[in-house]
């Protein structure tokens, strides 16, 4: 098997009351697991591709054979996006970013609150299923973007820093159709330490 489902870095109930235990169990154990299984299935018979990391694979997704490109984009993207999402959250999260990322956010967006509003709006207004992202672009600037379905920033030449899953399976058991409430609650579990590490690594 080329890829495996990563363990959560915390217990399933650790993000309560903001994200409920049942959602975490289903989201990780069913949805993410399905993406892992399906990308592995798509790569059967392609040992050269199985040897790549998920980041390498998704960075080159447009170059893949037509017969597997869509499956790898959907399921490989789902695997990579969720792997970042879990680590972008922490039971000790919330607050505002400090360090180099905190300074860069204020420089790029004017203030943390302005960034928070822009990111939240990207998440809330994403039509249908998808993600909101804070990324580093090719010029080394921070940008907020949303992507549909399981498309991922790496495939678009962006370096992912922070993400929020706004597929209904990420919040519907607790928040039903109240996506803005879920987005608002999520800020209480943001793992700024992980985001800062991703930012510093991306900056080189």
C-alpha atoms as a PDB file:
ATOM      1  CA  UNK A   1       0.000   0.000   0.000  1.00  0.00           C
ATOM      2  CA  UNK A   2       1.492   3.316  -1.057  1.00  0.00           C
ATOM      3  CA  UNK A   3      -0.320   5.430   1.538  1.00  0.00           C
ATOM      4  CA  UNK A   4      -1.742   4.810   4.994  1.00  0.00           C
ATOM      5  CA  UNK A   5      -4.312   6.593   7.120  1.00  0.00           C
ATOM      6  CA  UNK A   6      -2.392   8.728   9.633  1.00  0.00           C
ATOM      7  CA  UNK A   7      -3.337   8.625  13.295  1.00  0.00           C
ATOM      8  CA  UNK A   8      -4.958  11.713  14.730  1.00  0.00           C
ATOM      9  CA  UNK A   9      -2.504  13.714  16.871  1.00  0.00           C
ATOM     10  CA  UNK A  10      -5.143  13.860  19.656  1.00  0.00           C
ATOM     11  CA  UNK A  11      -8.147  11.884  20.911  1.00  0.00           C
ATOM     12  CA  UNK A  12     -11.401  11.903  18.941  1.00  0.00           C
ATOM     13  CA  UNK A  13     -13.129  13.958  21.640  1.00  0.00           C
ATOM     14  CA  UNK A  14     -10.234  16.365  22.192  1.00  0.00           C
ATOM     15  CA  UNK A  15     -11.728  19.186  20.118  1.00  0.00           C
ATOM     16  CA  UNK A  16     -15.044  19.222  21.985  1.00  0.00           C
ATOM     17  CA  UNK A  17     -17.214  21.248  22.228  1.00  0.00           C
ATOM     18  CA  UNK A  18     -16.164  22.949  18.997  1.00  0.00           C
ATOM     19  CA  UNK A  19     -15.935  19.788  16.877  1.00  0.00           C
ATOM     20  CA  UNK A  20     -17.756  16.776  18.251  1.00  0.00           C
ATOM     21  CA  UNK A  21     -16.373  13.305  18.827  1.00  0.00           C
ATOM     22  CA  UNK A  22     -18.801  11.488  16.536  1.00  0.00           C
ATOM     23  CA  UNK A  23     -17.950  13.777  13.627  1.00  0.00           C
ATOM     24  CA  UNK A  24     -14.244  13.234  14.204  1.00  0.00           C
ATOM     25  CA  UNK A  25     -14.626   9.452  14.298  1.00  0.00           C
ATOM     26  CA  UNK A  26     -16.643   9.322  11.078  1.00  0.00           C
ATOM     27  CA  UNK A  27     -14.630  12.018   9.310  1.00  0.00           C
ATOM     28  CA  UNK A  28     -11.280  10.390  10.043  1.00  0.00           C
ATOM     29  CA  UNK A  29     -12.175   6.716  10.136  1.00  0.00           C
ATOM     30  CA  UNK A  30     -14.617   6.651   7.218  1.00  0.00           C
ATOM     31  CA  UNK A  31     -14.099   9.628   4.908  1.00  0.00           C
ATOM     32  CA  UNK A  32     -10.324  10.033   5.143  1.00  0.00           C
ATOM     33  CA  UNK A  33      -9.846   6.264   5.154  1.00  0.00           C
ATOM     34  CA  UNK A  34     -11.857   6.011   1.933  1.00  0.00           C
ATOM     35  CA  UNK A  35      -9.632   8.575   0.231  1.00  0.00           C
ATOM     36  CA  UNK A  36      -6.544   6.599   1.239  1.00  0.00           C
ATOM     37  CA  UNK A  37      -8.017   3.328  -0.014  1.00  0.00           C
ATOM     38  CA  UNK A  38      -9.146   4.847  -3.294  1.00  0.00           C
ATOM     39  CA  UNK A  39      -5.871   6.579  -4.143  1.00  0.00           C
ATOM     40  CA  UNK A  40      -4.023   3.346  -3.430  1.00  0.00           C
ATOM     41  CA  UNK A  41      -6.421   1.518  -5.730  1.00  0.00           C
ATOM     42  CA  UNK A  42      -5.898   4.109  -8.454  1.00  0.00           C
ATOM     43  CA  UNK A  43      -2.122   3.664  -8.243  1.00  0.00           C
ATOM     44  CA  UNK A  44      -2.167  -0.123  -8.588  1.00  0.00           C
ATOM     45  CA  UNK A  45       0.110  -1.051 -11.452  1.00  0.00           C
ATOM     46  CA  UNK A  46       2.050   2.209 -11.194  1.00  0.00           C
ATOM     47  CA  UNK A  47       5.007   1.417  -8.887  1.00  0.00           C
ATOM     48  CA  UNK A  48       6.816   4.578  -9.981  1.00  0.00           C
ATOM     49  CA  UNK A  49       3.939   6.675  -8.697  1.00  0.00           C
ATOM     50  CA  UNK A  50       3.505   4.599  -5.548  1.00  0.00           C
ATOM     51  CA  UNK A  51       7.079   5.499  -4.622  1.00  0.00           C
ATOM     52  CA  UNK A  52       6.278   9.220  -4.517  1.00  0.00           C
ATOM     53  CA  UNK A  53       5.175  11.124  -1.441  1.00  0.00           C
ATOM     54  CA  UNK A  54       1.608  12.414  -1.486  1.00  0.00           C
ATOM     55  CA  UNK A  55       3.005  15.946  -1.871  1.00  0.00           C
ATOM     56  CA  UNK A  56       5.085  14.947  -4.896  1.00  0.00           C
ATOM     57  CA  UNK A  57       2.145  13.108  -6.421  1.00  0.00           C
ATOM     58  CA  UNK A  58      -0.274  16.005  -6.074  1.00  0.00           C
ATOM     59  CA  UNK A  59       2.258  18.540  -7.328  1.00  0.00           C
ATOM     60  CA  UNK A  60       2.434  16.537 -10.572  1.00  0.00           C
ATOM     61  CA  UNK A  61      -1.218  15.532 -10.838  1.00  0.00           C
ATOM     62  CA  UNK A  62      -1.757  17.301 -14.171  1.00  0.00           C
ATOM     63  CA  UNK A  63       1.003  15.126 -15.681  1.00  0.00           C
ATOM     64  CA  UNK A  64      -0.558  11.812 -14.660  1.00  0.00           C
ATOM     65  CA  UNK A  65      -2.066   9.402 -17.199  1.00  0.00           C
ATOM     66  CA  UNK A  66      -5.614  10.285 -18.204  1.00  0.00           C
ATOM     67  CA  UNK A  67      -6.872   6.956 -16.899  1.00  0.00           C
ATOM     68  CA  UNK A  68      -6.010   7.757 -13.263  1.00  0.00           C
ATOM     69  CA  UNK A  69      -5.719  11.552 -13.115  1.00  0.00           C
ATOM     70  CA  UNK A  70      -9.225  12.276 -11.863  1.00  0.00           C
ATOM     71  CA  UNK A  71      -9.155   9.499  -9.256  1.00  0.00           C
ATOM     72  CA  UNK A  72      -5.770  10.624  -7.940  1.00  0.00           C
ATOM     73  CA  UNK A  73      -6.825  14.270  -7.896  1.00  0.00           C
ATOM     74  CA  UNK A  74      -9.977  13.463  -5.924  1.00  0.00           C
ATOM     75  CA  UNK A  75      -8.703  10.799  -3.544  1.00  0.00           C
ATOM     76  CA  UNK A  76      -5.052  11.828  -3.354  1.00  0.00           C
ATOM     77  CA  UNK A  77      -6.176  15.388  -2.777  1.00  0.00           C
ATOM     78  CA  UNK A  78      -8.561  14.175  -0.098  1.00  0.00           C
ATOM     79  CA  UNK A  79      -5.754  12.311   1.619  1.00  0.00           C
ATOM     80  CA  UNK A  80      -3.342  15.253   1.549  1.00  0.00           C
ATOM     81  CA  UNK A  81      -5.922  17.879   2.502  1.00  0.00           C
ATOM     82  CA  UNK A  82      -7.156  15.903   5.487  1.00  0.00           C
ATOM     83  CA  UNK A  83      -3.632  15.062   6.645  1.00  0.00           C
ATOM     84  CA  UNK A  84      -2.963  18.804   6.890  1.00  0.00           C
ATOM     85  CA  UNK A  85      -6.389  19.572   8.377  1.00  0.00           C
ATOM     86  CA  UNK A  86      -5.964  17.247  11.371  1.00  0.00           C
ATOM     87  CA  UNK A  87      -2.621  18.791  12.297  1.00  0.00           C
ATOM     88  CA  UNK A  88      -3.913  22.302  11.727  1.00  0.00           C
ATOM     89  CA  UNK A  89      -6.093  21.749  14.802  1.00  0.00           C
ATOM     90  CA  UNK A  90      -5.266  21.213  18.455  1.00  0.00           C
ATOM     91  CA  UNK A  91      -7.151  21.032  21.759  1.00  0.00           C
ATOM     92  CA  UNK A  92      -4.687  23.697  22.927  1.00  0.00           C
ATOM     93  CA  UNK A  93      -5.332  25.842  19.846  1.00  0.00           C
ATOM     94  CA  UNK A  94      -7.057  29.138  19.231  1.00  0.00           C
ATOM     95  CA  UNK A  95      -5.998  32.682  19.880  1.00  0.00           C
ATOM     96  CA  UNK A  96      -3.806  34.586  17.454  1.00  0.00           C
ATOM     97  CA  UNK A  97      -0.642  33.513  15.637  1.00  0.00           C
ATOM     98  CA  UNK A  98       2.709  34.696  16.903  1.00  0.00           C
ATOM     99  CA  UNK A  99       6.209  34.399  15.498  1.00  0.00           C
ATOM    100  CA  UNK A 100       7.017  34.820  11.833  1.00  0.00           C
ATOM    101  CA  UNK A 101       3.567  33.761  10.637  1.00  0.00           C
ATOM    102  CA  UNK A 102       1.838  36.238  12.919  1.00  0.00           C
ATOM    103  CA  UNK A 103       3.985  39.064  11.560  1.00  0.00           C
ATOM    104  CA  UNK A 104       3.462  37.960   7.964  1.00  0.00           C
ATOM    105  CA  UNK A 105      -0.325  37.803   8.386  1.00  0.00           C
ATOM    106  CA  UNK A 106      -0.425  41.350   9.755  1.00  0.00           C
ATOM    107  CA  UNK A 107       1.811  42.538   6.926  1.00  0.00           C
ATOM    108  CA  UNK A 108      -0.228  40.824   4.212  1.00  0.00           C
ATOM    109  CA  UNK A 109      -3.738  41.551   5.461  1.00  0.00           C
ATOM    110  CA  UNK A 110      -3.330  44.607   7.699  1.00  0.00           C
ATOM    111  CA  UNK A 111      -4.359  42.866  10.913  1.00  0.00           C
ATOM    112  CA  UNK A 112      -5.204  39.455  12.261  1.00  0.00           C
ATOM    113  CA  UNK A 113      -8.891  40.366  12.395  1.00  0.00           C
ATOM    114  CA  UNK A 114      -8.852  41.389   8.738  1.00  0.00           C
ATOM    115  CA  UNK A 115      -7.258  38.060   7.833  1.00  0.00           C
ATOM    116  CA  UNK A 116      -9.749  36.175   9.990  1.00  0.00           C
ATOM    117  CA  UNK A 117     -12.654  37.877   8.240  1.00  0.00           C
ATOM    118  CA  UNK A 118     -11.236  37.173   4.783  1.00  0.00           C
ATOM    119  CA  UNK A 119     -10.513  33.513   5.580  1.00  0.00           C
ATOM    120  CA  UNK A 120     -13.907  32.984   7.224  1.00  0.00           C
ATOM    121  CA  UNK A 121     -15.647  34.529   4.232  1.00  0.00           C
ATOM    122  CA  UNK A 122     -13.749  32.215   1.862  1.00  0.00           C
ATOM    123  CA  UNK A 123     -14.940  29.231   3.918  1.00  0.00           C
ATOM    124  CA  UNK A 124     -18.537  30.362   4.318  1.00  0.00           C
ATOM    125  CA  UNK A 125     -19.054  31.358   0.677  1.00  0.00           C
ATOM    126  CA  UNK A 126     -17.406  28.291  -0.888  1.00  0.00           C
ATOM    127  CA  UNK A 127     -20.280  26.947  -2.963  1.00  0.00           C
ATOM    128  CA  UNK A 128     -20.942  23.274  -2.343  1.00  0.00           C
ATOM    129  CA  UNK A 129     -18.085  21.199  -0.994  1.00  0.00           C
ATOM    130  CA  UNK A 130     -14.505  22.364  -0.644  1.00  0.00           C
ATOM    131  CA  UNK A 131     -11.859  24.034   1.468  1.00  0.00           C
ATOM    132  CA  UNK A 132     -10.574  27.415   2.590  1.00  0.00           C
ATOM    133  CA  UNK A 133      -6.797  27.849   2.593  1.00  0.00           C
ATOM    134  CA  UNK A 134      -4.063  30.204   3.680  1.00  0.00           C
ATOM    135  CA  UNK A 135      -1.168  29.598   1.309  1.00  0.00           C
ATOM    136  CA  UNK A 136       2.160  30.963   0.212  1.00  0.00           C
ATOM    137  CA  UNK A 137       2.193  31.769  -3.499  1.00  0.00           C
ATOM    138  CA  UNK A 138       5.102  31.525  -5.922  1.00  0.00           C
ATOM    139  CA  UNK A 139       6.111  35.111  -5.136  1.00  0.00           C
ATOM    140  CA  UNK A 140       6.354  34.308  -1.434  1.00  0.00           C
ATOM    141  CA  UNK A 141       3.189  36.192  -0.489  1.00  0.00           C
ATOM    142  CA  UNK A 142       0.407  34.957   1.773  1.00  0.00           C
ATOM    143  CA  UNK A 143      -2.930  34.500   0.008  1.00  0.00           C
ATOM    144  CA  UNK A 144      -6.366  33.253   1.031  1.00  0.00           C
ATOM    145  CA  UNK A 145      -8.128  31.025  -1.475  1.00  0.00           C
ATOM    146  CA  UNK A 146     -10.864  28.432  -1.564  1.00  0.00           C
ATOM    147  CA  UNK A 147     -10.780  25.282  -3.645  1.00  0.00           C
ATOM    148  CA  UNK A 148     -13.678  23.033  -4.674  1.00  0.00           C
ATOM    149  CA  UNK A 149     -14.081  19.396  -3.740  1.00  0.00           C
ATOM    150  CA  UNK A 150     -10.664  17.831  -2.924  1.00  0.00           C
ATOM    151  CA  UNK A 151      -8.538  20.022  -5.175  1.00  0.00           C
ATOM    152  CA  UNK A 152      -5.423  21.024  -3.271  1.00  0.00           C
ATOM    153  CA  UNK A 153      -3.137  24.073  -3.336  1.00  0.00           C
ATOM    154  CA  UNK A 154       0.015  22.100  -4.155  1.00  0.00           C
ATOM    155  CA  UNK A 155      -1.492  21.175  -7.518  1.00  0.00           C
ATOM    156  CA  UNK A 156      -1.876  24.906  -8.228  1.00  0.00           C
ATOM    157  CA  UNK A 157       1.699  25.735  -7.265  1.00  0.00           C
ATOM    158  CA  UNK A 158       0.821  27.056  -3.808  1.00  0.00           C
ATOM    159  CA  UNK A 159       2.308  26.020  -0.475  1.00  0.00           C
ATOM    160  CA  UNK A 160      -0.402  25.157   2.095  1.00  0.00           C
ATOM    161  CA  UNK A 161      -0.177  26.793   5.520  1.00  0.00           C
ATOM    162  CA  UNK A 162      -3.655  26.513   7.069  1.00  0.00           C
ATOM    163  CA  UNK A 163      -6.893  24.884   5.929  1.00  0.00           C
ATOM    164  CA  UNK A 164     -10.517  24.485   6.892  1.00  0.00           C
ATOM    165  CA  UNK A 165     -12.686  21.671   5.538  1.00  0.00           C
ATOM    166  CA  UNK A 166     -16.174  22.903   4.630  1.00  0.00           C
ATOM    167  CA  UNK A 167     -17.574  19.679   3.205  1.00  0.00           C
ATOM    168  CA  UNK A 168     -20.846  18.973   5.012  1.00  0.00           C
ATOM    169  CA  UNK A 169     -19.433  15.788   6.540  1.00  0.00           C
ATOM    170  CA  UNK A 170     -17.001  17.994   8.503  1.00  0.00           C
ATOM    171  CA  UNK A 171     -19.732  19.716  10.492  1.00  0.00           C
ATOM    172  CA  UNK A 172     -23.276  18.565   9.707  1.00  0.00           C
ATOM    173  CA  UNK A 173     -23.857  16.274  12.697  1.00  0.00           C
ATOM    174  CA  UNK A 174     -23.310  19.151  15.116  1.00  0.00           C
ATOM    175  CA  UNK A 175     -24.063  22.286  13.110  1.00  0.00           C
ATOM    176  CA  UNK A 176     -26.484  21.021  10.428  1.00  0.00           C
ATOM    177  CA  UNK A 177     -26.719  23.755   7.773  1.00  0.00           C
ATOM    178  CA  UNK A 178     -25.116  26.414   9.993  1.00  0.00           C
ATOM    179  CA  UNK A 179     -21.732  26.508   8.294  1.00  0.00           C
ATOM    180  CA  UNK A 180     -20.927  29.991   9.687  1.00  0.00           C
ATOM    181  CA  UNK A 181     -21.287  28.636  13.241  1.00  0.00           C
ATOM    182  CA  UNK A 182     -18.852  25.823  12.468  1.00  0.00           C
ATOM    183  CA  UNK A 183     -16.380  28.258  10.929  1.00  0.00           C
ATOM    184  CA  UNK A 184     -16.640  30.517  13.966  1.00  0.00           C
ATOM    185  CA  UNK A 185     -16.100  27.609  16.368  1.00  0.00           C
ATOM    186  CA  UNK A 186     -13.120  26.300  14.399  1.00  0.00           C
ATOM    187  CA  UNK A 187     -11.032  29.352  15.278  1.00  0.00           C
ATOM    188  CA  UNK A 188     -10.957  28.039  18.865  1.00  0.00           C
ATOM    189  CA  UNK A 189      -8.946  24.970  17.831  1.00  0.00           C
ATOM    190  CA  UNK A 190      -6.561  26.397  15.216  1.00  0.00           C
ATOM    191  CA  UNK A 191      -3.062  25.023  15.775  1.00  0.00           C
ATOM    192  CA  UNK A 192      -0.947  28.093  15.104  1.00  0.00           C
ATOM    193  CA  UNK A 193       2.227  26.237  16.044  1.00  0.00           C
ATOM    194  CA  UNK A 194       1.716  23.803  13.172  1.00  0.00           C
ATOM    195  CA  UNK A 195       0.770  26.594  10.774  1.00  0.00           C
ATOM    196  CA  UNK A 196       3.866  28.586  11.744  1.00  0.00           C
ATOM    197  CA  UNK A 197       6.090  25.555  11.165  1.00  0.00           C
ATOM    198  CA  UNK A 198       4.559  25.066   7.709  1.00  0.00           C
ATOM    199  CA  UNK A 199       5.082  28.737   6.939  1.00  0.00           C
ATOM    200  CA  UNK A 200       8.726  28.728   7.983  1.00  0.00           C
ATOM    201  CA  UNK A 201       9.401  25.549   6.009  1.00  0.00           C
ATOM    202  CA  UNK A 202       7.701  26.978   2.914  1.00  0.00           C
ATOM    203  CA  UNK A 203       9.703  30.188   3.203  1.00  0.00           C
ATOM    204  CA  UNK A 204      12.886  28.110   3.383  1.00  0.00           C
END
